[in-house]
Structures are given as structure tokens and as C-alpha cells.
Amino acid sequence: MPRHHQRKSSAPGGGSQRQLRVGEQVRHAIADILAQGSVHDADLEGHIITVPEVRMSPDLKLATVYVMPLGGRDTGIVIAALERNKKFLRGEVARRVNLKFAPDLRFRVDERFDEAERIEKLLRTPAVQKDLEQDPDSDREEER
């Protein structure tokens, strides 16, 4: 009688343990390549680039690399330069990370910093501050 195993398509953390582990290895490899200045491109030379996250597809053949230039400036120029040098970066990742296939790389701007700043500004608005300062226990006593 065949046994049917159900595999979870993705763990709550954004992928399987293997996806997360390989994503972290690819992230370290790309961060090291960029930190060493191995990519010879005039548009990248003046920028310090942070690589906060790499998300791998379930088959580990596609890596979405989230990047943010220091200060958040020239994001379009940096993404275009990384896309131009994708072949070189893929080859370097293949040498540094032991995988059956070198993943295709795609680069995206990491929007988390902007989103966190937007939420922080929202929390500082007078209406939200008023709600935060209000004592929730006093409302319960009034209802009784």
C-alpha cells in the first residue's frame, strides 16, 4: 500500500527550512561579492549596498535578492547595474554556494525600511497618540 506524504508548501517563516538556509547562503555570497568590490561597474562603485534578504523559489532555481543602497538613494541605478551584472554574480554565487543548479537572480528594492518609516510616522500622529494615551481600564469601568 503506497504511503502518501503531504509536504507543506511553505513554512510560516516564508519557505521551507532548506529554502531559508540556501537563501541565507546566497545572501552572504552576494553581500561578500558586493563588499569586496568584485563587480566592476561605474554605477555600483560609489554605493554601499545592503542585502537584507534573499528569497528562494521552492525548486531553488530562482533567487529574489532584496537590496537597498545606503541612504536609499539611486535605487533605480543600482538595480539596473545589478541586472546588467547578473551573469557575473550568478557565476560567483555558483562558485561559493554548493548547489546542483546556480539560481537565476532577480533584484528588487527592499521596501521594508520605507514601510517601517510610514508606520512610525502614522504612530506619531495626534489621533493615534490620543488613542494610545487613553487608559483602556477606564473605559471598562464606565461601561459598568
C-alpha atoms as a PDB file:
ATOM      1  CA  MET A   1       0.000   0.000   0.000  1.00  0.00           C
ATOM      2  CA  PRO A   2       1.589   3.341  -1.016  1.00  0.00           C
ATOM      3  CA  ARG A   3       2.125   5.937   1.610  1.00  0.00           C
ATOM      4  CA  HIS A   4       1.103   9.443   0.745  1.00  0.00           C
ATOM      5  CA  HIS A   5       3.150  12.132   2.359  1.00  0.00           C
ATOM      6  CA  GLN A   6       1.866  15.644   2.425  1.00  0.00           C
ATOM      7  CA  ARG A   7       4.558  18.263   2.320  1.00  0.00           C
ATOM      8  CA  LYS A   8       3.956  21.761   3.488  1.00  0.00           C
ATOM      9  CA  SER A   9       4.282  24.144   0.591  1.00  0.00           C
ATOM     10  CA  SER A  10       5.805  26.785   2.805  1.00  0.00           C
ATOM     11  CA  ALA A  11       6.585  27.229   6.428  1.00  0.00           C
ATOM     12  CA  PRO A  12       5.260  30.255   8.326  1.00  0.00           C
ATOM     13  CA  GLY A  13       8.658  31.955   8.028  1.00  0.00           C
ATOM     14  CA  GLY A  14       8.423  32.355   4.261  1.00  0.00           C
ATOM     15  CA  GLY A  15       9.597  28.989   2.973  1.00  0.00           C
ATOM     16  CA  SER A  16      10.915  25.583   3.902  1.00  0.00           C
ATOM     17  CA  GLN A  17      13.979  25.217   6.082  1.00  0.00           C
ATOM     18  CA  ARG A  18      16.016  24.400   3.000  1.00  0.00           C
ATOM     19  CA  GLN A  19      14.772  27.488   1.138  1.00  0.00           C
ATOM     20  CA  LEU A  20      15.633  29.668   4.118  1.00  0.00           C
ATOM     21  CA  ARG A  21      19.081  28.105   4.556  1.00  0.00           C
ATOM     22  CA  VAL A  22      20.011  28.373   0.870  1.00  0.00           C
ATOM     23  CA  GLY A  23      18.604  31.906   0.719  1.00  0.00           C
ATOM     24  CA  GLU A  24      20.840  32.898   3.602  1.00  0.00           C
ATOM     25  CA  GLN A  25      23.882  31.323   1.915  1.00  0.00           C
ATOM     26  CA  VAL A  26      23.136  33.180  -1.322  1.00  0.00           C
ATOM     27  CA  ARG A  27      22.607  36.406   0.640  1.00  0.00           C
ATOM     28  CA  HIS A  28      26.011  36.065   2.303  1.00  0.00           C
ATOM     29  CA  ALA A  29      27.678  35.277  -1.022  1.00  0.00           C
ATOM     30  CA  ILE A  30      26.175  38.305  -2.795  1.00  0.00           C
ATOM     31  CA  ALA A  31      26.882  40.595   0.161  1.00  0.00           C
ATOM     32  CA  ASP A  32      30.526  39.447   0.176  1.00  0.00           C
ATOM     33  CA  ILE A  33      30.858  39.921  -3.595  1.00  0.00           C
ATOM     34  CA  LEU A  34      29.462  43.458  -3.356  1.00  0.00           C
ATOM     35  CA  ALA A  35      31.509  44.338  -0.251  1.00  0.00           C
ATOM     36  CA  GLN A  36      34.745  43.203  -1.930  1.00  0.00           C
ATOM     37  CA  GLY A  37      34.026  45.379  -4.961  1.00  0.00           C
ATOM     38  CA  SER A  38      34.266  42.380  -7.291  1.00  0.00           C
ATOM     39  CA  VAL A  39      31.603  43.800  -9.613  1.00  0.00           C
ATOM     40  CA  HIS A  40      33.319  46.324 -11.850  1.00  0.00           C
ATOM     41  CA  ASP A  41      30.540  48.726 -12.780  1.00  0.00           C
ATOM     42  CA  ALA A  42      30.800  52.509 -12.554  1.00  0.00           C
ATOM     43  CA  ASP A  43      27.221  52.771 -11.245  1.00  0.00           C
ATOM     44  CA  LEU A  44      27.976  50.447  -8.297  1.00  0.00           C
ATOM     45  CA  GLU A  45      31.382  51.839  -7.306  1.00  0.00           C
ATOM     46  CA  GLY A  46      30.052  54.809  -5.350  1.00  0.00           C
ATOM     47  CA  HIS A  47      27.420  52.857  -3.436  1.00  0.00           C
ATOM     48  CA  ILE A  48      27.379  50.722  -0.323  1.00  0.00           C
ATOM     49  CA  ILE A  49      24.657  48.143  -0.872  1.00  0.00           C
ATOM     50  CA  THR A  50      22.849  46.235   1.859  1.00  0.00           C
ATOM     51  CA  VAL A  51      21.396  42.800   1.084  1.00  0.00           C
ATOM     52  CA  PRO A  52      18.830  42.234   3.861  1.00  0.00           C
ATOM     53  CA  GLU A  53      17.102  39.189   2.356  1.00  0.00           C
ATOM     54  CA  VAL A  54      17.154  36.609  -0.421  1.00  0.00           C
ATOM     55  CA  ARG A  55      14.034  34.555  -1.070  1.00  0.00           C
ATOM     56  CA  MET A  56      14.422  31.276  -2.901  1.00  0.00           C
ATOM     57  CA  SER A  57      11.773  29.582  -5.036  1.00  0.00           C
ATOM     58  CA  PRO A  58      10.701  26.113  -3.840  1.00  0.00           C
ATOM     59  CA  ASP A  59      12.871  24.430  -6.511  1.00  0.00           C
ATOM     60  CA  LEU A  60      15.858  26.668  -5.566  1.00  0.00           C
ATOM     61  CA  LYS A  61      16.280  27.771  -9.194  1.00  0.00           C
ATOM     62  CA  LEU A  62      15.250  31.399  -8.679  1.00  0.00           C
ATOM     63  CA  ALA A  63      16.618  33.771  -6.073  1.00  0.00           C
ATOM     64  CA  THR A  64      14.907  37.102  -5.467  1.00  0.00           C
ATOM     65  CA  VAL A  65      17.567  39.363  -3.980  1.00  0.00           C
ATOM     66  CA  TYR A  66      16.314  42.349  -1.988  1.00  0.00           C
ATOM     67  CA  VAL A  67      18.824  45.199  -1.915  1.00  0.00           C
ATOM     68  CA  MET A  68      18.988  48.709  -0.522  1.00  0.00           C
ATOM     69  CA  PRO A  69      21.717  51.239  -1.284  1.00  0.00           C
ATOM     70  CA  LEU A  70      22.944  53.088   1.791  1.00  0.00           C
ATOM     71  CA  GLY A  71      20.739  56.114   2.334  1.00  0.00           C
ATOM     72  CA  GLY A  72      18.123  54.777  -0.090  1.00  0.00           C
ATOM     73  CA  ARG A  73      19.393  56.934  -2.946  1.00  0.00           C
ATOM     74  CA  ASP A  74      19.799  55.913  -6.612  1.00  0.00           C
ATOM     75  CA  THR A  75      17.835  52.697  -6.176  1.00  0.00           C
ATOM     76  CA  GLY A  76      16.899  52.539  -9.856  1.00  0.00           C
ATOM     77  CA  ILE A  77      20.503  52.994 -10.981  1.00  0.00           C
ATOM     78  CA  VAL A  78      21.730  50.320  -8.558  1.00  0.00           C
ATOM     79  CA  ILE A  79      19.048  47.794  -9.589  1.00  0.00           C
ATOM     80  CA  ALA A  80      19.846  48.401 -13.278  1.00  0.00           C
ATOM     81  CA  ALA A  81      23.582  47.907 -12.629  1.00  0.00           C
ATOM     82  CA  LEU A  82      22.941  44.671 -10.722  1.00  0.00           C
ATOM     83  CA  GLU A  83      20.710  43.422 -13.546  1.00  0.00           C
ATOM     84  CA  ARG A  84      23.485  44.204 -16.075  1.00  0.00           C
ATOM     85  CA  ASN A  85      25.957  42.186 -13.986  1.00  0.00           C
ATOM     86  CA  LYS A  86      23.547  39.333 -13.228  1.00  0.00           C
ATOM     87  CA  LYS A  87      25.551  36.771 -15.224  1.00  0.00           C
ATOM     88  CA  PHE A  88      28.781  37.531 -13.348  1.00  0.00           C
ATOM     89  CA  LEU A  89      27.002  37.473  -9.971  1.00  0.00           C
ATOM     90  CA  ARG A  90      25.318  34.171 -10.797  1.00  0.00           C
ATOM     91  CA  GLY A  91      28.675  32.609 -11.653  1.00  0.00           C
ATOM     92  CA  GLU A  92      30.213  33.871  -8.405  1.00  0.00           C
ATOM     93  CA  VAL A  93      27.267  32.565  -6.377  1.00  0.00           C
ATOM     94  CA  ALA A  94      27.640  29.181  -8.117  1.00  0.00           C
ATOM     95  CA  ARG A  95      31.303  29.036  -7.060  1.00  0.00           C
ATOM     96  CA  ARG A  96      30.576  29.994  -3.440  1.00  0.00           C
ATOM     97  CA  VAL A  97      27.338  28.108  -2.736  1.00  0.00           C
ATOM     98  CA  ASN A  98      27.253  24.364  -3.331  1.00  0.00           C
ATOM     99  CA  LEU A  99      24.030  23.750  -5.268  1.00  0.00           C
ATOM    100  CA  LYS A 100      23.077  21.446  -8.127  1.00  0.00           C
ATOM    101  CA  PHE A 101      21.981  24.462 -10.196  1.00  0.00           C
ATOM    102  CA  ALA A 102      23.091  28.068  -9.898  1.00  0.00           C
ATOM    103  CA  PRO A 103      19.898  30.034  -9.228  1.00  0.00           C
ATOM    104  CA  ASP A 104      18.735  32.744 -11.598  1.00  0.00           C
ATOM    105  CA  LEU A 105      18.963  36.063  -9.813  1.00  0.00           C
ATOM    106  CA  ARG A 106      16.436  38.858  -9.852  1.00  0.00           C
ATOM    107  CA  PHE A 107      16.913  42.056  -7.925  1.00  0.00           C
ATOM    108  CA  ARG A 108      14.280  44.054  -6.082  1.00  0.00           C
ATOM    109  CA  VAL A 109      14.429  47.138  -3.865  1.00  0.00           C
ATOM    110  CA  ASP A 110      13.796  46.292  -0.222  1.00  0.00           C
ATOM    111  CA  GLU A 111      10.730  48.335   0.715  1.00  0.00           C
ATOM    112  CA  ARG A 112      10.659  47.330   4.389  1.00  0.00           C
ATOM    113  CA  PHE A 113      12.556  50.415   5.536  1.00  0.00           C
ATOM    114  CA  ASP A 114      10.055  52.728   3.822  1.00  0.00           C
ATOM    115  CA  GLU A 115       7.128  50.753   5.232  1.00  0.00           C
ATOM    116  CA  ALA A 116       8.564  50.876   8.761  1.00  0.00           C
ATOM    117  CA  GLU A 117       9.064  54.636   8.465  1.00  0.00           C
ATOM    118  CA  ARG A 118       5.477  55.079   7.212  1.00  0.00           C
ATOM    119  CA  ILE A 119       4.129  53.117  10.192  1.00  0.00           C
ATOM    120  CA  GLU A 120       6.344  55.081  12.583  1.00  0.00           C
ATOM    121  CA  LYS A 121       5.001  58.397  11.200  1.00  0.00           C
ATOM    122  CA  LEU A 122       1.464  57.080  11.481  1.00  0.00           C
ATOM    123  CA  LEU A 123       2.002  56.137  15.128  1.00  0.00           C
ATOM    124  CA  ARG A 124       3.214  59.676  15.852  1.00  0.00           C
ATOM    125  CA  THR A 125       0.059  61.361  14.519  1.00  0.00           C
ATOM    126  CA  PRO A 126      -2.053  63.177  17.145  1.00  0.00           C
ATOM    127  CA  ALA A 127      -5.103  60.940  16.629  1.00  0.00           C
ATOM    128  CA  VAL A 128      -3.125  57.760  17.265  1.00  0.00           C
ATOM    129  CA  GLN A 129      -1.268  59.319  20.202  1.00  0.00           C
ATOM    130  CA  LYS A 130      -4.622  60.227  21.770  1.00  0.00           C
ATOM    131  CA  ASP A 131      -5.797  56.618  21.411  1.00  0.00           C
ATOM    132  CA  LEU A 132      -2.548  55.270  22.824  1.00  0.00           C
ATOM    133  CA  GLU A 133      -2.655  57.580  25.853  1.00  0.00           C
ATOM    134  CA  GLN A 134      -6.231  56.641  26.694  1.00  0.00           C
ATOM    135  CA  ASP A 135      -6.342  54.156  29.588  1.00  0.00           C
ATOM    136  CA  PRO A 136      -8.235  51.012  28.488  1.00  0.00           C
ATOM    137  CA  ASP A 137      -9.214  50.189  32.115  1.00  0.00           C
ATOM    138  CA  SER A 138     -11.114  53.477  32.474  1.00  0.00           C
ATOM    139  CA  ASP A 139     -13.384  52.529  29.550  1.00  0.00           C
ATOM    140  CA  ARG A 140     -14.336  49.257  31.234  1.00  0.00           C
ATOM    141  CA  GLU A 141     -15.253  50.983  34.489  1.00  0.00           C
ATOM    142  CA  GLU A 142     -17.526  53.454  32.642  1.00  0.00           C
ATOM    143  CA  GLU A 143     -19.390  50.589  30.978  1.00  0.00           C
ATOM    144  CA  ARG A 144     -20.345  49.032  34.325  1.00  0.00           C
END
